[in-house]
Amino acid sequence: MAATKRSDATKLQQPTSTSKVIYAPGVDAHGEIKHALELATKGHKRVLVVFGANWCYDCHVLDLAFHRSDVAGVLQQNFEVVHVDVGEGEKNQDIMQQYEVPMKRGIPAVAVLDGNGKLLYSQKGGEFEKARALAPEDVLQFLNKWKPVAR
């Protein structure tokens, strides 16, 4: 994903608050991923694992992007989304390591799995860390690149 300089009008919507609970504390992330894999297999979808935390501004930017009508359509049709809480960097690190997503590159961070749990993509370069600088087209381009191939 190439980062280009954009005017504010072409960037993702910025949240007015970070009070929304996107990453529910105390949720069994392993169980959530397992359930998402089952749903993805049945629905011929992929699993989008989103690592983040409720305190993270850019995590809220990405969440708002996921709720845009143009993005939400592609997301719902092609992906099961699992939000994995990393807390202050102490939670679910085993899952980040399993999916080869380095915490030191920041959050939000994503991994894409096929319905069998095979890792197809892991964010190694902090591509989503500065979600506030991305445009809706960047998110759509990523989702369209990693959605399952039509049968």
N, C-alpha and C. Protein backbone atom coordinates (compact mmCIF):
# COMPACT_ATOMS: atom_id res chain seq x y z
N MET A 1 0.85 -1.16 0.00
CA MET A 1 0.00 0.00 0.00
C MET A 1 0.90 1.24 0.00
N ALA A 2 0.70 2.10 -0.95
CA ALA A 2 1.53 3.29 -1.04
C ALA A 2 0.86 4.44 -0.29
N ALA A 3 1.62 5.09 0.52
CA ALA A 3 1.09 6.25 1.24
C ALA A 3 1.38 7.49 0.40
N THR A 4 0.34 8.23 0.12
CA THR A 4 0.52 9.46 -0.64
C THR A 4 -0.02 10.61 0.18
N LYS A 5 0.45 11.79 -0.11
CA LYS A 5 -0.03 12.96 0.62
C LYS A 5 -1.43 13.30 0.12
N ARG A 6 -2.36 13.46 1.04
CA ARG A 6 -3.74 13.70 0.66
C ARG A 6 -4.28 14.94 1.35
N SER A 7 -5.28 15.52 0.72
CA SER A 7 -5.98 16.61 1.40
C SER A 7 -6.92 15.98 2.42
N ASP A 8 -7.36 16.76 3.39
CA ASP A 8 -8.24 16.23 4.42
C ASP A 8 -9.53 15.64 3.86
N ALA A 9 -9.99 16.19 2.74
CA ALA A 9 -11.25 15.74 2.16
C ALA A 9 -11.17 14.31 1.63
N THR A 10 -9.96 13.85 1.32
CA THR A 10 -9.83 12.51 0.76
C THR A 10 -9.39 11.48 1.79
N LYS A 11 -9.23 11.90 3.03
CA LYS A 11 -8.81 10.98 4.09
C LYS A 11 -10.02 10.33 4.74
N LEU A 12 -9.75 9.27 5.50
CA LEU A 12 -10.81 8.61 6.25
C LEU A 12 -11.38 9.54 7.30
N GLN A 13 -12.65 9.32 7.63
CA GLN A 13 -13.32 10.12 8.66
C GLN A 13 -12.59 9.95 9.99
N GLN A 14 -12.47 11.04 10.72
CA GLN A 14 -11.80 11.03 12.02
C GLN A 14 -12.86 10.91 13.12
N PRO A 15 -12.61 10.11 14.14
CA PRO A 15 -13.61 9.96 15.21
C PRO A 15 -13.66 11.21 16.09
N THR A 16 -14.84 11.48 16.63
CA THR A 16 -14.97 12.61 17.55
C THR A 16 -14.65 12.18 18.97
N SER A 17 -14.59 10.85 19.17
CA SER A 17 -14.30 10.31 20.50
C SER A 17 -13.70 8.92 20.34
N THR A 18 -12.99 8.47 21.36
CA THR A 18 -12.45 7.11 21.35
C THR A 18 -13.12 6.29 22.45
N SER A 19 -14.35 6.63 22.78
CA SER A 19 -15.03 5.95 23.88
C SER A 19 -15.72 4.65 23.44
N LYS A 20 -15.92 4.45 22.14
CA LYS A 20 -16.57 3.23 21.66
C LYS A 20 -15.71 2.02 22.00
N VAL A 21 -16.35 0.94 22.46
CA VAL A 21 -15.62 -0.29 22.75
C VAL A 21 -15.61 -1.16 21.50
N ILE A 22 -14.49 -1.15 20.81
CA ILE A 22 -14.30 -1.97 19.61
C ILE A 22 -13.66 -3.29 20.02
N TYR A 23 -12.71 -3.20 20.93
CA TYR A 23 -11.93 -4.35 21.39
C TYR A 23 -12.42 -4.69 22.79
N ALA A 24 -13.37 -5.62 22.86
CA ALA A 24 -13.98 -5.96 24.15
C ALA A 24 -12.96 -6.62 25.06
N PRO A 25 -12.77 -6.08 26.27
CA PRO A 25 -11.80 -6.66 27.20
C PRO A 25 -12.29 -8.02 27.69
N GLY A 26 -11.35 -8.92 27.90
CA GLY A 26 -11.67 -10.22 28.47
C GLY A 26 -12.24 -11.23 27.49
N VAL A 27 -12.33 -10.88 26.20
CA VAL A 27 -12.84 -11.82 25.21
C VAL A 27 -11.75 -12.83 24.85
N ASP A 28 -12.14 -14.08 24.67
CA ASP A 28 -11.20 -15.13 24.27
C ASP A 28 -10.93 -14.99 22.77
N ALA A 29 -9.83 -14.34 22.44
CA ALA A 29 -9.51 -14.08 21.04
C ALA A 29 -9.29 -15.37 20.26
N HIS A 30 -8.70 -16.38 20.90
CA HIS A 30 -8.50 -17.67 20.21
C HIS A 30 -9.84 -18.26 19.81
N GLY A 31 -10.81 -18.22 20.73
CA GLY A 31 -12.15 -18.73 20.45
C GLY A 31 -12.86 -17.93 19.38
N GLU A 32 -12.69 -16.60 19.41
CA GLU A 32 -13.30 -15.73 18.40
C GLU A 32 -12.75 -16.05 17.01
N ILE A 33 -11.45 -16.25 16.92
CA ILE A 33 -10.84 -16.58 15.62
C ILE A 33 -11.33 -17.94 15.15
N LYS A 34 -11.39 -18.90 16.05
CA LYS A 34 -11.88 -20.24 15.68
C LYS A 34 -13.30 -20.15 15.13
N HIS A 35 -14.16 -19.41 15.82
CA HIS A 35 -15.55 -19.25 15.38
C HIS A 35 -15.61 -18.55 14.01
N ALA A 36 -14.81 -17.52 13.84
CA ALA A 36 -14.77 -16.79 12.56
C ALA A 36 -14.31 -17.70 11.43
N LEU A 37 -13.36 -18.58 11.71
CA LEU A 37 -12.88 -19.53 10.70
C LEU A 37 -14.01 -20.48 10.28
N GLU A 38 -14.80 -20.93 11.25
CA GLU A 38 -15.93 -21.81 10.93
C GLU A 38 -16.93 -21.08 10.04
N LEU A 39 -17.25 -19.83 10.38
CA LEU A 39 -18.19 -19.04 9.58
C LEU A 39 -17.61 -18.75 8.19
N ALA A 40 -16.33 -18.47 8.13
CA ALA A 40 -15.68 -18.16 6.86
C ALA A 40 -15.71 -19.38 5.94
N THR A 41 -15.49 -20.56 6.49
CA THR A 41 -15.52 -21.78 5.68
C THR A 41 -16.91 -21.98 5.09
N LYS A 42 -17.92 -21.84 5.93
CA LYS A 42 -19.31 -22.02 5.47
C LYS A 42 -19.71 -20.97 4.44
N GLY A 43 -19.27 -19.74 4.65
CA GLY A 43 -19.67 -18.64 3.78
C GLY A 43 -18.71 -18.34 2.64
N HIS A 44 -17.68 -19.17 2.47
CA HIS A 44 -16.65 -18.96 1.43
C HIS A 44 -16.05 -17.56 1.56
N LYS A 45 -15.68 -17.22 2.79
CA LYS A 45 -15.10 -15.92 3.08
C LYS A 45 -13.68 -16.08 3.60
N ARG A 46 -13.06 -14.97 3.88
CA ARG A 46 -11.76 -14.92 4.54
C ARG A 46 -11.97 -14.32 5.92
N VAL A 47 -10.96 -14.47 6.78
CA VAL A 47 -11.01 -13.89 8.11
C VAL A 47 -10.02 -12.73 8.16
N LEU A 48 -10.53 -11.58 8.58
CA LEU A 48 -9.70 -10.40 8.77
C LEU A 48 -9.51 -10.22 10.27
N VAL A 49 -8.28 -10.46 10.73
CA VAL A 49 -7.95 -10.29 12.14
C VAL A 49 -7.38 -8.89 12.31
N VAL A 50 -8.05 -8.09 13.14
CA VAL A 50 -7.63 -6.70 13.35
C VAL A 50 -7.12 -6.57 14.78
N PHE A 51 -5.84 -6.31 14.93
CA PHE A 51 -5.22 -6.12 16.24
C PHE A 51 -5.29 -4.65 16.60
N GLY A 52 -5.73 -4.36 17.83
CA GLY A 52 -5.81 -2.98 18.24
C GLY A 52 -6.19 -2.85 19.70
N ALA A 53 -6.59 -1.65 20.09
CA ALA A 53 -6.97 -1.36 21.46
C ALA A 53 -7.92 -0.17 21.46
N ASN A 54 -8.75 -0.10 22.48
CA ASN A 54 -9.75 0.97 22.55
C ASN A 54 -9.13 2.35 22.74
N TRP A 55 -7.93 2.44 23.30
CA TRP A 55 -7.27 3.73 23.51
C TRP A 55 -6.65 4.28 22.23
N CYS A 56 -6.55 3.44 21.21
CA CYS A 56 -5.82 3.75 19.97
C CYS A 56 -6.69 4.57 19.01
N TYR A 57 -6.29 5.81 18.78
CA TYR A 57 -7.04 6.71 17.90
C TYR A 57 -7.20 6.11 16.50
N ASP A 58 -6.10 5.63 15.92
CA ASP A 58 -6.16 5.10 14.55
C ASP A 58 -6.99 3.83 14.45
N CYS A 59 -7.13 3.10 15.56
CA CYS A 59 -8.02 1.93 15.58
C CYS A 59 -9.47 2.38 15.40
N HIS A 60 -9.81 3.52 15.98
CA HIS A 60 -11.16 4.07 15.83
C HIS A 60 -11.37 4.62 14.41
N VAL A 61 -10.33 5.18 13.82
CA VAL A 61 -10.41 5.65 12.43
C VAL A 61 -10.70 4.46 11.52
N LEU A 62 -9.96 3.36 11.70
CA LEU A 62 -10.17 2.18 10.86
C LEU A 62 -11.56 1.60 11.07
N ASP A 63 -12.03 1.58 12.32
CA ASP A 63 -13.37 1.07 12.61
C ASP A 63 -14.43 1.91 11.90
N LEU A 64 -14.29 3.22 11.93
CA LEU A 64 -15.22 4.09 11.21
C LEU A 64 -15.19 3.78 9.71
N ALA A 65 -14.00 3.54 9.18
CA ALA A 65 -13.88 3.20 7.76
C ALA A 65 -14.65 1.91 7.45
N PHE A 66 -14.57 0.94 8.35
CA PHE A 66 -15.25 -0.33 8.14
C PHE A 66 -16.77 -0.16 8.12
N HIS A 67 -17.27 0.93 8.68
CA HIS A 67 -18.71 1.18 8.72
C HIS A 67 -19.21 2.10 7.60
N ARG A 68 -18.31 2.58 6.76
CA ARG A 68 -18.72 3.34 5.57
C ARG A 68 -19.50 2.39 4.66
N SER A 69 -20.51 2.87 3.98
CA SER A 69 -21.34 1.97 3.16
C SER A 69 -20.53 1.28 2.06
N ASP A 70 -19.61 2.00 1.41
CA ASP A 70 -18.84 1.38 0.34
C ASP A 70 -17.88 0.31 0.86
N VAL A 71 -17.28 0.55 2.00
CA VAL A 71 -16.34 -0.40 2.59
C VAL A 71 -17.09 -1.56 3.26
N ALA A 72 -18.15 -1.22 3.99
CA ALA A 72 -18.91 -2.24 4.73
C ALA A 72 -19.46 -3.32 3.79
N GLY A 73 -19.89 -2.93 2.61
CA GLY A 73 -20.42 -3.91 1.66
C GLY A 73 -19.38 -4.94 1.27
N VAL A 74 -18.18 -4.49 0.94
CA VAL A 74 -17.09 -5.40 0.56
C VAL A 74 -16.68 -6.25 1.76
N LEU A 75 -16.61 -5.62 2.92
CA LEU A 75 -16.19 -6.31 4.14
C LEU A 75 -17.17 -7.42 4.51
N GLN A 76 -18.46 -7.09 4.57
CA GLN A 76 -19.47 -8.07 5.00
C GLN A 76 -19.61 -9.22 4.02
N GLN A 77 -19.46 -8.94 2.75
CA GLN A 77 -19.63 -9.97 1.73
C GLN A 77 -18.45 -10.95 1.69
N ASN A 78 -17.27 -10.50 2.08
CA ASN A 78 -16.06 -11.28 1.84
C ASN A 78 -15.26 -11.68 3.07
N PHE A 79 -15.56 -11.09 4.23
CA PHE A 79 -14.72 -11.31 5.40
C PHE A 79 -15.55 -11.52 6.66
N GLU A 80 -15.01 -12.33 7.55
CA GLU A 80 -15.43 -12.39 8.95
C GLU A 80 -14.37 -11.59 9.68
N VAL A 81 -14.78 -10.59 10.44
CA VAL A 81 -13.83 -9.70 11.11
C VAL A 81 -13.73 -10.07 12.59
N VAL A 82 -12.50 -10.20 13.07
CA VAL A 82 -12.24 -10.46 14.49
C VAL A 82 -11.35 -9.34 15.01
N HIS A 83 -11.83 -8.65 16.04
CA HIS A 83 -11.03 -7.60 16.69
C HIS A 83 -10.30 -8.24 17.88
N VAL A 84 -8.99 -8.16 17.87
CA VAL A 84 -8.16 -8.74 18.92
C VAL A 84 -7.54 -7.62 19.75
N ASP A 85 -7.90 -7.57 21.03
CA ASP A 85 -7.40 -6.54 21.95
C ASP A 85 -5.96 -6.84 22.35
N VAL A 86 -5.08 -5.86 22.12
CA VAL A 86 -3.69 -6.03 22.54
C VAL A 86 -3.38 -5.23 23.81
N GLY A 87 -4.41 -4.57 24.36
CA GLY A 87 -4.20 -3.79 25.59
C GLY A 87 -3.14 -2.73 25.38
N GLU A 88 -2.19 -2.70 26.28
CA GLU A 88 -1.06 -1.77 26.16
C GLU A 88 0.14 -2.48 25.53
N GLY A 89 -0.12 -3.59 24.87
CA GLY A 89 0.94 -4.36 24.23
C GLY A 89 1.25 -5.64 24.98
N GLU A 90 0.45 -5.93 26.02
CA GLU A 90 0.70 -7.13 26.83
C GLU A 90 -0.29 -8.25 26.54
N LYS A 91 -1.37 -7.96 25.83
CA LYS A 91 -2.41 -8.97 25.60
C LYS A 91 -2.30 -9.59 24.21
N ASN A 92 -2.60 -10.87 24.13
CA ASN A 92 -2.72 -11.60 22.85
C ASN A 92 -1.48 -11.50 21.96
N GLN A 93 -0.33 -11.36 22.59
CA GLN A 93 0.91 -11.31 21.81
C GLN A 93 1.21 -12.63 21.12
N ASP A 94 0.73 -13.74 21.70
CA ASP A 94 0.93 -15.04 21.05
C ASP A 94 0.22 -15.09 19.70
N ILE A 95 -0.94 -14.44 19.62
CA ILE A 95 -1.69 -14.44 18.35
C ILE A 95 -0.98 -13.54 17.34
N MET A 96 -0.47 -12.40 17.81
CA MET A 96 0.28 -11.53 16.91
C MET A 96 1.49 -12.27 16.35
N GLN A 97 2.17 -13.02 17.20
CA GLN A 97 3.34 -13.78 16.75
C GLN A 97 2.92 -14.90 15.79
N GLN A 98 1.82 -15.59 16.14
CA GLN A 98 1.33 -16.68 15.30
C GLN A 98 1.06 -16.19 13.87
N TYR A 99 0.51 -14.98 13.75
CA TYR A 99 0.17 -14.43 12.44
C TYR A 99 1.21 -13.45 11.92
N GLU A 100 2.39 -13.46 12.55
CA GLU A 100 3.56 -12.72 12.06
C GLU A 100 3.32 -11.22 11.94
N VAL A 101 2.59 -10.66 12.91
CA VAL A 101 2.33 -9.22 12.94
C VAL A 101 3.14 -8.63 14.09
N PRO A 102 4.19 -7.86 13.78
CA PRO A 102 5.04 -7.31 14.84
C PRO A 102 4.39 -6.14 15.58
N MET A 103 4.24 -6.29 16.89
CA MET A 103 3.65 -5.24 17.72
C MET A 103 4.44 -3.94 17.60
N LYS A 104 5.74 -4.04 17.44
CA LYS A 104 6.57 -2.83 17.38
C LYS A 104 6.25 -1.95 16.17
N ARG A 105 5.51 -2.50 15.20
CA ARG A 105 5.11 -1.72 14.03
C ARG A 105 3.82 -0.96 14.25
N GLY A 106 3.23 -1.09 15.45
CA GLY A 106 2.05 -0.31 15.80
C GLY A 106 0.73 -0.97 15.48
N ILE A 107 -0.33 -0.32 15.97
CA ILE A 107 -1.68 -0.78 15.75
C ILE A 107 -2.51 0.38 15.22
N PRO A 108 -3.60 0.15 14.52
CA PRO A 108 -4.13 -1.16 14.19
C PRO A 108 -3.22 -1.90 13.21
N ALA A 109 -3.31 -3.20 13.31
CA ALA A 109 -2.55 -4.08 12.43
C ALA A 109 -3.48 -5.21 12.02
N VAL A 110 -3.26 -5.76 10.83
CA VAL A 110 -4.18 -6.78 10.34
C VAL A 110 -3.46 -8.01 9.81
N ALA A 111 -4.20 -9.11 9.83
CA ALA A 111 -3.78 -10.35 9.18
C ALA A 111 -5.00 -10.89 8.45
N VAL A 112 -4.77 -11.55 7.32
CA VAL A 112 -5.85 -12.15 6.54
C VAL A 112 -5.61 -13.65 6.50
N LEU A 113 -6.65 -14.40 6.85
CA LEU A 113 -6.59 -15.87 6.85
C LEU A 113 -7.61 -16.42 5.87
N ASP A 114 -7.32 -17.59 5.31
CA ASP A 114 -8.36 -18.25 4.53
C ASP A 114 -9.23 -19.05 5.49
N GLY A 115 -10.27 -19.69 5.01
CA GLY A 115 -11.20 -20.41 5.86
C GLY A 115 -10.58 -21.57 6.62
N ASN A 116 -9.42 -22.03 6.17
CA ASN A 116 -8.72 -23.12 6.86
C ASN A 116 -7.74 -22.60 7.90
N GLY A 117 -7.66 -21.29 8.04
CA GLY A 117 -6.73 -20.71 9.01
C GLY A 117 -5.35 -20.43 8.47
N LYS A 118 -5.15 -20.67 7.17
CA LYS A 118 -3.85 -20.40 6.56
C LYS A 118 -3.63 -18.90 6.46
N LEU A 119 -2.47 -18.45 6.89
CA LEU A 119 -2.11 -17.04 6.82
C LEU A 119 -1.85 -16.64 5.37
N LEU A 120 -2.63 -15.69 4.87
CA LEU A 120 -2.46 -15.20 3.50
C LEU A 120 -1.70 -13.88 3.47
N TYR A 121 -1.90 -13.07 4.51
CA TYR A 121 -1.25 -11.76 4.58
C TYR A 121 -1.06 -11.39 6.03
N SER A 122 0.10 -10.83 6.33
CA SER A 122 0.30 -10.25 7.65
C SER A 122 0.97 -8.89 7.47
N GLN A 123 0.49 -7.94 8.22
CA GLN A 123 1.00 -6.58 8.14
C GLN A 123 2.32 -6.51 8.90
N LYS A 124 3.38 -6.33 8.15
CA LYS A 124 4.70 -6.29 8.78
C LYS A 124 5.28 -4.88 8.82
N GLY A 125 4.71 -3.97 8.02
CA GLY A 125 5.31 -2.65 7.90
C GLY A 125 4.51 -1.51 8.49
N GLY A 126 3.53 -1.81 9.33
CA GLY A 126 2.74 -0.74 9.94
C GLY A 126 1.81 -0.03 8.97
N GLU A 127 1.35 -0.75 7.94
CA GLU A 127 0.55 -0.13 6.89
C GLU A 127 -0.72 0.56 7.39
N PHE A 128 -1.34 0.02 8.44
CA PHE A 128 -2.58 0.61 8.95
C PHE A 128 -2.35 1.45 10.21
N GLU A 129 -1.12 1.48 10.70
CA GLU A 129 -0.83 2.18 11.95
C GLU A 129 -1.27 3.65 11.89
N LYS A 130 -1.10 4.27 10.76
CA LYS A 130 -1.51 5.67 10.59
C LYS A 130 -2.78 5.70 9.73
N ALA A 131 -3.82 5.02 10.19
CA ALA A 131 -5.07 4.94 9.44
C ALA A 131 -5.62 6.33 9.12
N ARG A 132 -5.35 7.29 9.99
CA ARG A 132 -5.86 8.65 9.77
C ARG A 132 -5.34 9.26 8.48
N ALA A 133 -4.23 8.75 7.95
CA ALA A 133 -3.66 9.28 6.71
C ALA A 133 -4.16 8.54 5.47
N LEU A 134 -4.93 7.47 5.68
CA LEU A 134 -5.42 6.68 4.56
C LEU A 134 -6.70 7.27 3.99
N ALA A 135 -6.98 6.93 2.75
CA ALA A 135 -8.24 7.31 2.10
C ALA A 135 -9.13 6.08 2.03
N PRO A 136 -10.43 6.28 1.87
CA PRO A 136 -11.32 5.13 1.71
C PRO A 136 -10.87 4.19 0.59
N GLU A 137 -10.33 4.77 -0.47
CA GLU A 137 -9.87 3.94 -1.60
C GLU A 137 -8.74 3.00 -1.18
N ASP A 138 -7.91 3.43 -0.24
CA ASP A 138 -6.82 2.58 0.24
C ASP A 138 -7.37 1.34 0.94
N VAL A 139 -8.38 1.55 1.77
CA VAL A 139 -8.99 0.43 2.50
C VAL A 139 -9.70 -0.49 1.51
N LEU A 140 -10.45 0.08 0.58
CA LEU A 140 -11.15 -0.73 -0.42
C LEU A 140 -10.17 -1.52 -1.29
N GLN A 141 -9.09 -0.88 -1.67
CA GLN A 141 -8.08 -1.57 -2.49
C GLN A 141 -7.52 -2.77 -1.74
N PHE A 142 -7.23 -2.60 -0.45
CA PHE A 142 -6.71 -3.70 0.36
C PHE A 142 -7.73 -4.83 0.44
N LEU A 143 -8.98 -4.50 0.77
CA LEU A 143 -10.01 -5.53 0.91
C LEU A 143 -10.25 -6.26 -0.41
N ASN A 144 -10.29 -5.52 -1.49
CA ASN A 144 -10.51 -6.16 -2.80
C ASN A 144 -9.35 -7.05 -3.21
N LYS A 145 -8.15 -6.67 -2.79
CA LYS A 145 -6.97 -7.49 -3.10
C LYS A 145 -7.03 -8.83 -2.35
N TRP A 146 -7.54 -8.83 -1.12
CA TRP A 146 -7.49 -10.01 -0.27
C TRP A 146 -8.81 -10.76 -0.14
N LYS A 147 -9.86 -10.28 -0.78
CA LYS A 147 -11.13 -11.01 -0.72
C LYS A 147 -10.99 -12.33 -1.48
N PRO A 148 -11.84 -13.33 -1.16
CA PRO A 148 -11.71 -14.60 -1.86
C PRO A 148 -12.02 -14.46 -3.34
N VAL A 149 -11.38 -15.30 -4.12
CA VAL A 149 -11.62 -15.32 -5.56
C VAL A 149 -13.01 -15.91 -5.80
N ALA A 150 -13.79 -15.26 -6.63
CA ALA A 150 -15.15 -15.75 -6.92
C ALA A 150 -15.10 -17.14 -7.54
N ARG A 151 -16.02 -17.98 -7.11
CA ARG A 151 -16.07 -19.34 -7.64
C ARG A 151 -16.85 -19.39 -8.91
